[in-house]
Protein backbone atom coordinates (compact mmCIF):
# COMPACT_ATOMS: atom_id res chain seq x y z
CA MET A 1 33.55 -26.36 -21.23
CA LYS A 2 30.98 -26.05 -19.43
CA ILE A 3 28.37 -27.59 -17.61
CA LYS A 4 25.21 -27.39 -15.94
CA SER A 5 24.87 -26.60 -12.13
CA LEU A 6 21.55 -27.65 -10.40
CA LEU A 7 19.78 -25.43 -8.31
CA VAL A 8 16.76 -25.74 -6.57
CA GLY A 9 14.39 -23.03 -7.04
CA MET A 10 12.67 -21.19 -4.37
CA LEU A 11 11.87 -23.53 -2.33
CA ALA A 12 10.79 -22.85 1.50
CA CYS A 13 10.65 -25.54 4.76
CA THR A 14 9.26 -24.65 8.28
CA ALA A 15 12.33 -25.27 11.26
CA MET A 16 10.78 -26.28 14.39
CA VAL A 17 13.75 -26.53 16.42
CA SER A 18 15.31 -26.76 20.10
CA CYS A 19 18.49 -25.57 21.19
CA THR A 20 19.98 -29.12 21.43
CA ASN A 21 22.45 -28.75 18.88
CA GLU A 22 24.39 -26.42 20.24
CA GLU A 23 27.58 -28.19 18.34
CA VAL A 24 26.03 -27.08 14.69
CA LEU A 25 23.97 -23.67 15.68
CA GLU A 26 26.64 -21.87 18.85
CA GLY A 27 25.85 -18.78 18.93
CA ASN A 28 23.25 -16.29 18.31
CA ASP A 29 20.60 -18.87 16.95
CA PRO A 30 18.97 -17.38 13.96
CA ILE A 31 16.05 -20.29 14.29
CA LYS A 32 13.51 -19.85 16.60
CA ALA A 33 11.73 -22.14 18.06
CA GLY A 34 8.46 -23.24 16.33
CA GLU A 35 9.61 -20.53 13.83
CA LYS A 36 10.46 -21.20 9.99
CA GLY A 37 14.51 -21.05 9.37
CA TYR A 38 15.90 -20.60 5.79
CA VAL A 39 18.95 -22.42 3.52
CA ALA A 40 20.50 -21.45 0.56
CA VAL A 41 20.82 -24.32 -1.43
CA ASN A 42 22.80 -25.38 -4.62
CA ILE A 43 22.56 -29.34 -5.81
CA VAL A 44 25.78 -29.81 -7.71
CA THR A 45 25.28 -33.30 -10.40
CA PRO A 46 27.91 -35.19 -11.24
CA ASN A 47 29.07 -33.44 -14.27
CA SER A 48 29.67 -30.08 -11.89
CA ILE A 49 33.97 -31.19 -11.16
CA GLY A 50 35.68 -28.24 -10.76
CA GLY A 51 39.51 -28.52 -10.66
CA ARG A 52 40.08 -31.31 -12.45
CA SER A 53 41.65 -32.59 -15.71
CA THR A 54 38.17 -32.51 -17.78
CA SER A 55 40.62 -35.91 -19.76
CA ASP A 56 39.92 -37.96 -17.00
CA TYR A 57 35.98 -37.25 -16.95
CA THR A 58 33.18 -37.66 -19.72
CA GLU A 59 29.83 -35.48 -18.70
CA GLY A 60 27.36 -38.84 -21.05
CA GLU A 61 24.09 -38.39 -22.78
CA ALA A 62 21.77 -35.68 -21.34
CA SER A 63 19.48 -37.81 -19.84
CA GLU A 64 22.09 -39.05 -17.83
CA SER A 65 21.66 -35.77 -15.66
CA ALA A 66 18.59 -35.28 -15.89
CA VAL A 67 16.35 -34.70 -12.97
CA ARG A 68 12.99 -35.60 -12.15
CA ASP A 69 12.27 -34.62 -8.75
CA ALA A 70 14.07 -34.45 -5.47
CA ILE A 71 13.72 -35.38 -1.50
CA PHE A 72 16.01 -33.58 0.91
CA LEU A 73 16.05 -35.37 4.18
CA PHE A 74 16.95 -33.30 7.51
CA LEU A 75 19.20 -35.00 10.12
CA ASP A 76 20.42 -33.98 13.64
CA GLY A 77 23.73 -34.08 15.03
CA ASN A 78 23.53 -38.00 15.87
CA PHE A 79 22.65 -38.48 11.92
CA LYS A 80 18.81 -39.06 13.45
CA GLY A 81 16.46 -37.67 11.17
CA CYS A 82 14.72 -34.52 12.91
CA ALA A 83 12.79 -32.82 9.88
CA ASN A 84 9.74 -33.43 7.32
CA PRO A 85 11.17 -34.90 3.91
CA TYR A 86 11.38 -31.63 1.30
CA TYR A 87 10.42 -32.85 -2.10
CA LEU A 88 10.02 -31.05 -5.17
CA THR A 89 9.57 -31.47 -9.16
CA SER A 90 11.30 -30.39 -11.98
CA ASN A 91 8.87 -27.36 -12.61
CA ASP A 92 10.42 -26.18 -9.03
CA LEU A 93 14.25 -26.94 -10.49
CA ASN A 94 16.26 -23.79 -12.51
CA TRP A 95 19.97 -24.97 -14.43
CA VAL A 96 22.05 -22.62 -14.92
CA ALA A 97 25.57 -22.56 -16.95
CA ALA A 98 29.28 -22.61 -14.99
CA ASP A 99 32.38 -23.36 -16.44
CA ARG A 100 34.53 -26.41 -15.06
CA ASP A 101 36.64 -24.39 -12.77
CA ASP A 102 34.27 -22.08 -11.46
CA GLN A 103 32.67 -22.00 -8.03
CA THR A 104 30.24 -19.60 -8.39
CA LYS A 105 26.98 -20.87 -8.23
CA LYS A 106 24.03 -18.96 -7.71
CA ALA A 107 21.78 -19.61 -4.57
CA THR A 108 18.40 -20.25 -3.59
CA VAL A 109 16.10 -20.91 -0.96
CA LEU A 110 15.73 -24.41 1.26
CA VAL A 111 12.90 -24.35 4.19
CA VAL A 112 13.06 -27.14 6.52
CA ASP A 113 9.92 -27.91 8.56
CA GLY A 114 10.43 -29.38 12.04
CA ALA A 115 9.17 -32.97 14.32
CA GLU A 116 11.51 -33.76 15.86
CA GLY A 117 12.12 -30.27 17.98
CA GLU A 118 16.29 -30.83 17.08
CA VAL A 119 18.25 -28.48 15.20
CA PRO A 120 19.39 -30.03 11.90
CA ALA A 121 22.82 -30.17 11.31
CA TYR A 122 22.62 -31.80 7.76
CA ILE A 123 20.56 -32.27 4.85
CA VAL A 124 21.10 -35.32 2.24
CA ALA A 125 19.76 -35.54 -1.13
CA ILE A 126 18.03 -37.94 -3.52
CA LEU A 127 17.72 -37.18 -7.16
CA ASN A 128 14.90 -38.86 -9.11
CA PRO A 129 14.20 -41.40 -6.07
CA ILE A 130 12.49 -44.72 -6.65
CA ASN A 131 10.29 -44.21 -3.48
CA LYS A 132 9.90 -40.95 -2.73
CA ASN A 133 7.05 -42.17 0.00
CA ALA A 134 9.75 -44.38 1.80
CA TYR A 135 11.29 -41.35 3.70
CA THR A 136 10.06 -39.51 6.82
CA ALA A 137 10.99 -37.35 9.34
CA LYS A 138 12.45 -40.46 11.57
CA THR A 139 14.10 -41.47 8.43
CA SER A 140 18.15 -42.06 10.11
CA MET A 141 21.37 -42.45 8.38
CA ARG A 142 21.27 -45.80 9.13
CA ASP A 143 18.53 -46.44 7.36
CA LEU A 144 19.82 -44.83 4.06
CA LYS A 145 23.28 -46.51 4.44
CA ALA A 146 20.51 -49.62 4.88
CA GLU A 147 18.83 -49.51 2.08
CA TYR A 148 19.63 -50.52 -1.67
CA ALA A 149 18.01 -51.14 -4.70
CA ASN A 150 18.56 -52.65 -8.33
CA TYR A 151 19.47 -48.94 -9.66
CA ALA A 152 21.13 -49.86 -13.02
CA SER A 153 17.75 -51.48 -13.91
CA ALA A 154 15.18 -50.15 -12.08
CA ASN A 155 11.88 -49.08 -13.77
CA ASN A 156 12.53 -45.58 -12.96
CA GLY A 157 11.31 -43.81 -16.47
CA GLY A 158 14.60 -43.84 -17.50
CA TYR A 159 16.14 -41.74 -14.82
CA LEU A 160 19.00 -42.61 -12.57
CA VAL A 161 18.73 -42.27 -9.08
CA MET A 162 21.98 -39.45 -7.26
CA SER A 163 22.97 -39.28 -3.81
CA ASN A 164 25.43 -37.26 -1.90
CA ALA A 165 28.64 -38.27 -2.91
CA VAL A 166 30.68 -39.41 -0.07
CA TYR A 167 34.68 -39.09 0.27
CA ALA A 168 36.95 -39.72 3.26
CA ALA A 169 38.27 -36.43 5.28
CA GLU A 170 41.54 -35.58 6.28
CA ASN A 171 40.29 -36.12 9.66
CA GLY A 172 39.88 -40.28 8.42
CA LYS A 173 35.85 -39.41 8.86
CA GLU A 174 33.53 -40.60 6.22
CA VAL A 175 31.41 -37.52 4.77
CA VAL A 176 27.97 -38.71 4.08
CA ALA A 177 25.74 -36.11 4.34
CA THR A 178 26.12 -31.78 3.60
CA PRO A 179 26.40 -30.18 6.64
CA ILE A 180 24.98 -27.04 7.50
CA THR A 181 26.33 -24.20 10.00
CA ILE A 182 24.76 -21.07 11.34
CA ALA A 183 26.67 -18.89 8.73
CA ASN A 184 23.86 -21.04 5.61
CA ILE A 185 20.67 -20.15 7.92
CA ALA A 186 18.60 -17.52 7.96
CA ASP A 187 15.77 -16.24 9.90
CA SER A 188 14.02 -14.44 6.93
CA LYS A 189 13.27 -14.91 3.24
CA GLU A 190 14.94 -10.78 3.60
CA ASP A 191 17.87 -12.42 5.13
CA LEU A 192 18.98 -14.99 2.35
CA ALA A 193 21.81 -12.33 1.28
CA ASN A 194 23.38 -12.46 4.69
CA VAL A 195 23.95 -16.31 4.41
CA THR A 196 26.55 -18.98 2.61
CA PRO A 197 24.33 -21.16 0.14
CA VAL A 198 24.89 -24.89 1.16
CA THR A 199 26.53 -26.95 -1.98
CA VAL A 200 25.68 -30.35 -1.91
CA GLN A 201 27.24 -32.74 -3.80
CA VAL A 202 25.49 -35.70 -5.61
CA GLU A 203 26.77 -39.04 -7.65
CA ARG A 204 25.53 -41.55 -9.86
CA THR A 205 24.88 -44.72 -7.55
CA VAL A 206 25.13 -46.60 -10.97
CA GLY A 207 28.15 -47.53 -12.92
CA LYS A 208 28.72 -47.49 -16.53
CA VAL A 209 29.92 -50.18 -18.63
CA ALA A 210 31.15 -49.57 -22.54
CA VAL A 211 32.66 -52.03 -25.19
CA SER A 212 34.44 -50.76 -28.41
CA ASN A 213 36.24 -52.45 -31.69
CA LEU A 214 34.35 -55.83 -30.47
CA ASP A 215 32.88 -56.13 -34.16
CA LYS A 216 37.24 -55.74 -35.34
CA ALA A 217 38.49 -58.41 -32.80
CA ILE A 218 35.09 -60.44 -34.09
CA ALA A 219 36.41 -60.20 -37.53
CA ASP A 220 40.46 -60.37 -36.77
CA LEU A 221 39.79 -63.75 -35.03
CA ASN A 222 37.47 -65.32 -37.94
CA ALA A 223 40.23 -64.61 -40.55
CA ASN A 224 42.45 -66.27 -38.85
CA GLY A 225 41.63 -67.85 -35.02
CA LEU A 226 39.46 -70.54 -36.44
CA LYS A 227 41.35 -72.85 -38.29
CA GLU A 228 41.44 -76.27 -36.70
CA THR A 229 41.15 -79.76 -38.35
CA ILE A 230 37.79 -80.97 -37.29
CA ASP A 231 36.14 -84.52 -37.40
CA ASN A 232 40.39 -85.31 -38.19
CA LYS A 233 39.55 -84.10 -41.75
CA GLU A 234 40.08 -80.86 -43.68
CA SER A 235 39.53 -77.92 -41.64
CA MET A 236 35.73 -77.50 -41.73
CA LYS A 237 35.76 -72.85 -42.17
CA LEU A 238 33.56 -71.62 -38.92
CA GLN A 239 32.15 -68.04 -38.13
CA PHE A 240 31.74 -66.37 -34.86
CA VAL A 241 28.43 -64.86 -34.58
CA LEU A 242 27.97 -62.89 -31.40
CA THR A 243 25.03 -62.80 -29.70
CA GLY A 244 25.55 -60.26 -27.38
CA TRP A 245 27.40 -58.79 -24.16
CA GLU A 246 26.26 -58.55 -20.11
CA VAL A 247 28.23 -57.73 -17.03
CA LEU A 248 28.09 -60.17 -14.57
CA GLN A 249 27.36 -57.55 -11.38
CA ASN A 250 26.26 -57.57 -8.22
CA ASN A 251 21.69 -57.69 -8.09
CA ALA A 252 21.54 -54.16 -5.85
CA THR A 253 23.45 -51.18 -4.79
CA ASN A 254 23.70 -48.93 -1.83
CA LEU A 255 21.36 -45.27 -2.23
CA ILE A 256 24.84 -44.41 0.06
CA LYS A 257 28.00 -45.44 -1.19
CA ASN A 258 29.58 -48.05 1.16
CA ILE A 259 33.21 -46.50 2.20
CA ASP A 260 36.24 -47.52 4.87
CA ALA A 261 37.55 -44.59 5.36
CA SER A 262 39.99 -45.11 7.66
CA LYS A 263 42.24 -48.10 6.57
CA TRP A 264 42.40 -47.08 3.12
CA THR A 265 45.61 -46.99 1.94
CA ILE A 266 45.54 -46.17 -1.32
CA THR A 267 46.54 -42.38 -2.20
CA ASN A 268 43.95 -41.68 -5.50
CA TRP A 269 41.27 -43.40 -3.60
CA ASN A 270 39.67 -40.35 -2.38
CA ALA A 271 39.39 -36.47 -3.37
CA GLU A 272 38.43 -34.74 -0.18
CA ASN A 273 38.82 -31.28 -2.20
CA LEU A 274 36.54 -32.74 -5.01
CA GLN A 275 34.37 -34.29 -2.48
CA ARG A 276 34.01 -38.04 -3.82
CA SER A 277 36.20 -41.13 -3.58
CA PHE A 278 36.98 -43.79 -6.25
CA TRP A 279 36.84 -46.93 -4.54
CA ALA A 280 33.97 -48.78 -1.94
CA ASN A 281 33.26 -51.53 0.21
CA ASP A 282 32.21 -54.71 -1.23
CA ASN A 283 28.16 -55.45 -0.73
CA THR A 284 28.25 -58.72 -2.20
CA SER A 285 25.29 -59.63 0.24
CA LYS A 286 22.78 -58.40 -1.72
CA GLY A 287 22.84 -61.08 -4.67
CA ARG A 288 24.58 -61.84 -7.60
CA THR A 289 23.11 -61.36 -12.16
CA SER A 290 22.73 -64.42 -14.77
CA TYR A 291 21.94 -64.56 -17.73
CA ASP A 292 21.15 -66.56 -20.59
CA VAL A 293 23.90 -66.21 -23.08
CA ARG A 294 21.57 -66.78 -25.92
CA GLU A 295 19.68 -63.72 -25.04
CA MET A 296 22.45 -61.52 -24.05
CA SER A 297 22.77 -57.08 -25.97
CA LYS A 298 23.97 -55.54 -28.33
CA ALA A 299 23.70 -52.06 -26.59
CA ALA A 300 25.99 -49.47 -26.40
CA TYR A 301 26.75 -49.25 -23.31
CA LYS A 302 25.05 -50.60 -20.19
CA TYR A 303 24.59 -49.16 -16.28
CA VAL A 304 25.62 -51.43 -13.16
CA GLU A 305 25.27 -52.10 -9.90
CA GLU A 306 28.25 -51.44 -7.81
CA THR A 307 30.71 -54.61 -7.80
CA VAL A 308 34.12 -54.07 -6.05
CA ASN A 309 36.41 -57.14 -5.07
CA GLN A 310 39.80 -55.74 -3.71
CA THR A 311 42.28 -58.39 -4.82
CA ALA A 312 44.98 -57.50 -6.73
CA THR A 313 45.77 -60.16 -9.31
CA GLU A 314 43.69 -61.56 -12.09
CA GLN A 315 43.79 -65.02 -11.22
CA ALA A 316 42.21 -64.01 -7.92
CA ALA A 317 40.19 -62.31 -9.61
CA LEU A 318 38.29 -64.46 -11.55
CA ASN A 319 37.93 -67.15 -8.39
CA SER A 320 35.69 -64.91 -6.92
CA VAL A 321 33.13 -62.03 -6.45
CA SER A 322 34.29 -59.81 -9.13
CA PRO A 323 32.58 -57.74 -12.19
CA TYR A 324 33.04 -59.41 -15.32
CA LEU A 325 32.68 -59.02 -19.40
CA LEU A 326 31.02 -61.31 -20.61
CA VAL A 327 30.94 -61.59 -24.42
CA SER A 328 28.52 -64.06 -26.08
CA GLY A 329 27.35 -66.21 -29.58
CA LYS A 330 27.87 -68.99 -31.72
CA PHE A 331 29.85 -71.25 -33.61
CA VAL A 332 27.84 -71.33 -37.28
CA ASN A 333 29.73 -73.56 -40.65
CA GLU A 334 29.92 -71.92 -44.10
CA ASN A 335 25.56 -72.08 -44.54
CA ASN A 336 25.00 -70.12 -41.25
CA GLN A 337 24.50 -72.77 -39.47
CA PRO A 338 25.45 -73.00 -35.52
CA VAL A 339 27.36 -76.27 -35.26
CA ASP A 340 27.61 -78.65 -31.93
CA LEU A 341 31.41 -78.97 -30.94
CA VAL A 342 33.21 -81.02 -29.34
CA GLU A 343 36.92 -80.91 -27.88
CA TRP A 344 38.51 -84.49 -26.72
CA ARG A 345 42.22 -84.81 -26.00
CA GLY A 346 43.10 -82.00 -27.60
CA GLN A 347 40.84 -82.44 -31.03
CA LYS A 348 38.30 -80.31 -31.95
CA TYR A 349 34.65 -82.70 -33.30
CA THR A 350 31.48 -82.34 -34.73
CA LYS A 351 29.02 -84.08 -31.97
CA GLU A 352 28.21 -85.94 -34.65
CA GLY A 353 31.82 -86.83 -35.84
CA TYR A 354 32.58 -87.62 -31.98
CA LEU A 355 29.76 -89.89 -30.87
CA ASN A 356 30.65 -91.92 -34.47
CA LEU A 357 34.24 -92.43 -32.69
CA ILE A 358 33.37 -93.48 -29.37
CA ALA A 359 31.16 -96.14 -31.07
CA GLY A 360 33.65 -97.13 -33.63
CA MET A 361 36.23 -98.24 -30.80
CA SER A 362 37.18 -101.11 -30.04
CA GLU A 363 36.23 -100.78 -26.40
CA ILE A 364 32.26 -99.80 -27.43
CA SER A 365 31.99 -101.50 -31.15
CA GLN A 366 32.42 -104.93 -29.05
CA TYR A 367 28.74 -104.81 -27.87
CA TYR A 368 25.86 -105.27 -30.11
CA THR A 369 21.98 -105.27 -30.04
CA ALA A 370 19.76 -107.68 -30.86
CA VAL A 371 16.13 -107.78 -31.85
CA THR A 372 14.60 -111.94 -31.89
CA GLU A 373 11.54 -112.38 -33.98
CA GLY A 374 9.86 -115.78 -33.97
CA ASP A 375 12.51 -118.20 -33.60
CA LYS A 376 15.55 -115.53 -35.20
CA THR A 377 17.73 -113.65 -33.65
CA THR A 378 19.64 -110.17 -35.38
CA TYR A 379 21.96 -108.83 -34.11
CA THR A 380 23.36 -104.73 -35.01
CA SER A 381 26.28 -103.86 -34.01
CA PHE A 382 26.75 -100.70 -31.97
CA SER A 383 25.59 -97.23 -33.09
CA ALA A 384 26.88 -93.64 -32.88
CA SER A 385 22.13 -93.44 -32.44
CA LEU A 386 22.29 -95.39 -28.98
CA LEU A 387 24.56 -92.32 -27.88
CA GLU A 388 23.68 -88.51 -26.37
CA LEU A 389 25.50 -85.80 -24.90
CA VAL A 390 24.77 -85.20 -21.30
CA ASP A 391 25.84 -81.60 -19.59
CA GLN A 392 27.71 -81.85 -16.11
CA ALA A 393 27.24 -80.19 -13.48
CA ASN A 394 29.41 -76.94 -14.42
CA ASP A 395 29.17 -75.13 -17.55
CA TRP A 396 31.57 -76.15 -19.89
CA GLN A 397 31.73 -80.60 -19.94
CA ALA A 398 29.79 -82.96 -21.00
CA GLU A 399 29.73 -86.82 -21.10
CA ALA A 400 28.46 -89.61 -23.78
CA LYS A 401 25.94 -91.64 -22.44
CA LEU A 402 24.14 -94.52 -23.25
CA ILE A 403 20.49 -92.61 -24.41
CA ASN A 404 17.86 -95.63 -23.15
CA ALA A 405 19.99 -96.99 -19.93
CA ASP A 406 17.95 -100.38 -19.79
CA THR A 407 19.15 -101.13 -23.36
CA LYS A 408 20.13 -105.00 -23.01
CA PHE A 409 24.09 -106.00 -25.06
CA TYR A 410 25.07 -109.02 -26.05
CA THR A 411 29.13 -110.21 -27.45
CA VAL A 412 28.74 -112.04 -30.51
CA THR A 413 31.01 -115.35 -31.80
CA PHE A 414 31.59 -115.80 -35.68
CA GLU A 415 31.35 -118.42 -38.18
CA ALA A 416 34.51 -119.31 -40.07
CA ASP A 417 34.20 -116.88 -42.95
CA GLY A 418 34.72 -114.17 -40.17
CA LYS A 419 31.43 -112.16 -40.88
CA THR A 420 28.39 -113.94 -40.00
CA ILE A 421 27.50 -114.22 -36.21
CA LYS A 422 27.42 -117.49 -35.11
CA GLU A 423 25.62 -116.63 -30.85
CA GLY A 424 25.35 -113.54 -28.74
CA PHE A 425 25.62 -113.62 -25.04
CA GLU A 426 24.45 -110.89 -23.31
CA VAL A 427 26.38 -109.16 -20.72
CA GLY A 428 25.67 -107.81 -17.69
CA GLU A 429 24.07 -104.16 -16.70
CA GLY A 430 25.38 -101.35 -16.98
CA VAL A 431 28.66 -103.26 -18.88
CA VAL A 432 28.51 -100.79 -21.65
CA ALA A 433 28.00 -97.91 -19.68
CA LYS A 434 31.06 -98.37 -17.45
CA ALA A 435 33.28 -99.07 -20.44
CA LEU A 436 32.02 -95.55 -21.85
CA GLU A 437 33.42 -93.72 -19.12
CA VAL A 438 36.97 -94.32 -20.04
CA PHE A 439 36.70 -91.31 -22.73
CA GLY A 440 35.68 -89.42 -19.82
CA LYS A 441 34.58 -85.99 -20.19
CA VAL A 442 34.61 -82.98 -23.14
CA GLN A 443 34.27 -80.06 -23.78
CA TYR A 444 30.89 -79.45 -25.55
CA TRP A 445 29.54 -76.17 -27.62
CA ASN A 446 25.88 -76.93 -27.36
CA GLY A 447 24.55 -75.86 -30.04
CA GLY A 448 27.97 -73.43 -30.56
CA ASN A 449 26.84 -71.50 -27.52
CA THR A 450 30.48 -69.83 -26.46
CA TYR A 451 31.28 -67.30 -24.44
CA TYR A 452 34.62 -65.05 -23.46
CA PHE A 453 34.71 -62.92 -20.45
CA VAL A 454 37.35 -60.70 -18.33
CA PRO A 455 37.47 -59.37 -14.86
CA ILE A 456 36.69 -55.77 -14.40
CA LYS A 457 39.94 -53.26 -13.59
CA HIS A 458 39.16 -50.66 -11.90
CA GLN A 459 42.62 -48.95 -12.16
CA ALA A 460 43.81 -50.18 -15.15
CA ASN A 461 47.26 -49.99 -15.04
CA ASP A 462 47.86 -48.07 -11.18
CA ALA A 463 51.83 -48.81 -10.04
CA GLU A 464 50.22 -49.32 -7.19
CA THR A 465 47.22 -51.66 -7.37
CA ASN A 466 44.88 -53.76 -9.91
CA PHE A 467 42.49 -53.84 -7.93
CA TYR A 468 38.81 -55.59 -9.92
CA GLY A 469 35.42 -53.17 -9.50
CA VAL A 470 32.89 -51.18 -11.25
CA VAL A 471 32.43 -47.90 -8.84
CA ARG A 472 29.35 -45.81 -8.96
CA ASN A 473 30.04 -42.62 -11.06
CA HIS A 474 32.52 -44.65 -13.37
CA VAL A 475 32.11 -44.92 -16.86
CA TYR A 476 34.28 -48.51 -17.93
CA GLN A 477 35.66 -48.07 -21.30
CA MET A 478 36.10 -51.20 -22.94
CA ASN A 479 38.14 -52.20 -25.91
CA ILE A 480 38.74 -56.03 -27.24
CA THR A 481 41.90 -55.22 -28.27
CA LYS A 482 42.05 -58.94 -29.63
CA MET A 483 39.98 -62.48 -29.32
CA SER A 484 41.17 -65.24 -29.93
CA GLY A 485 40.43 -69.41 -28.78
CA TYR A 486 36.94 -70.78 -28.96
CA GLY A 487 35.52 -69.52 -25.37
CA THR A 488 34.39 -71.23 -22.81
CA PRO A 489 31.91 -73.97 -24.15
CA VAL A 490 28.34 -73.38 -23.14
CA SER A 491 27.07 -77.55 -22.72
CA ASN A 492 24.32 -76.47 -21.37
CA PRO A 493 22.51 -73.43 -22.91
CA ASP A 494 19.21 -73.55 -20.52
CA GLN A 495 21.62 -72.77 -17.41
CA LEU A 496 21.88 -70.05 -16.38
CA ILE A 497 25.65 -67.90 -16.08
CA ASP A 498 26.02 -66.53 -13.49
CA GLU A 499 30.18 -66.79 -12.65
CA PRO A 500 32.21 -67.89 -15.52
CA GLU A 501 34.50 -70.58 -15.70
CA LYS A 502 37.52 -71.10 -18.13
CA PRO A 503 37.64 -74.74 -19.34
CA GLU A 504 40.79 -76.20 -17.48
CA GLU A 505 42.51 -77.74 -21.09
CA GLY A 506 41.67 -74.63 -22.90
CA ASN A 507 42.49 -71.29 -24.25
CA THR A 508 39.82 -68.83 -23.79
CA TYR A 509 41.07 -65.33 -23.06
CA MET A 510 39.50 -61.64 -24.10
CA ASN A 511 41.98 -58.64 -24.07
CA ALA A 512 40.34 -55.84 -22.80
CA GLU A 513 41.73 -52.29 -21.97
CA VAL A 514 39.43 -50.82 -19.57
CA VAL A 515 39.02 -46.99 -19.48
CA ILE A 516 37.51 -45.27 -15.80
CA LEU A 517 36.17 -42.36 -17.44
CA ASP A 518 31.37 -36.25 -14.45
CA TRP A 519 31.80 -39.75 -14.56
CA LYS A 520 35.32 -40.74 -13.87
CA VAL A 521 36.68 -42.69 -16.66
CA VAL A 522 38.57 -45.47 -16.22
CA ASN A 523 40.44 -47.48 -19.67
CA ASN A 524 40.44 -50.88 -19.56
CA GLU A 525 42.48 -53.10 -22.96
CA VAL A 526 42.20 -56.44 -22.94
CA GLU A 527 41.57 -59.89 -25.10
CA LEU A 528 38.81 -62.82 -24.86
CA ASN A 529 41.50 -65.77 -25.68
């Protein structure tokens, strides 16, 4: 398989250095104070991984490795800025093809413009930066680690932001920048042939989630899974119609990946030989996304912020800040009209059918309304038109309440015929409202709106762990193997969904098979119930 290595084309940067960083440049320093130093640099994009089975990776779309521009930052031995950032556009970049396992890359020149009088010890590359003017000669690694943005949906001209790959070294220290040694530096362009190129490995700052087999899962659900009696009558033919899908996730991602190199015990979290790590620390302080279930999209894939949760059980994942695949839609009737659906005590009703049921029960039907005209008072039986379903403080429950809490109600006595009302007696304020409470809360699919969800596993079938998360530079292929049940009801469609809920009495599942894919691949097989 052929892949692309991004090579920086003939860049010159001036280094004004002192000899304070002897750890990096000991011996015959080729850079004299106030003179230029030249470094041969290769930038290796995420598709250029050598020595690894291609079945674990996918190159993705050409646009996902495209580079519009780049900025290089130079740090001293203490990871503080020591030179002016060097910016270049795609006109300065050259692409060369290389085999995946071929580690030989053509080198060109990067030059450092010194500012702080320190020898540069490290290079950090940021490809397709959102704001190239945000960096100065004083920008440190601490500054870079503190930087975060919504990279998955940033208005960045369609280009994905990439930064140095972060991984753990054998000594348990994290590698966050590419080191420069004396072997990488020449004091003239003519001497570049005698120095070793610096290879900077970069990775995308976002993850990617794709969904497959969803149409078939929906077809199977509609053919076999929605055959319940509605309103205690013959089964109504319901169909689930897809609105779209999203990923509930963190609102932002760190520019520089946050890892815990000294504490990771999972052996496949890190590959120093590939200059990659396959897990990250949580960054939930950035907030969470939220979605309108009526406005989700049917895109083939979506870019996702890095969102991880170090828990090994699905139950724990459901009560935490895991990333979730969320599939939304509506239940419609034979005429393709949305159905307001209610579940009460294990039985399904239409909204109209449920309110009529309540209105006809003895606890409520004993109450009447009255209209007086002159000396004549007319009493009317309680009807469902006096009731409404009011959503509760969550996404899926509702409760029958009076539309007008000030309505006066009466009990009545009858003449000997048992039909003619003899007289009425006004009941106390709140009596009917209190009587309605006996029916409790119901599951309510307002406008037929529903959603199915499943947490996304980072290592779907790994024997060591089933941690949940979306990690940068990974593709999560969500293969929907089954949908069943009616999903999580949406009682108030105007309320955005920020964390999914599972009804206490419901069977709402979605099963998915996850595949994590130059993009590292992760497969998930899941059921939506």
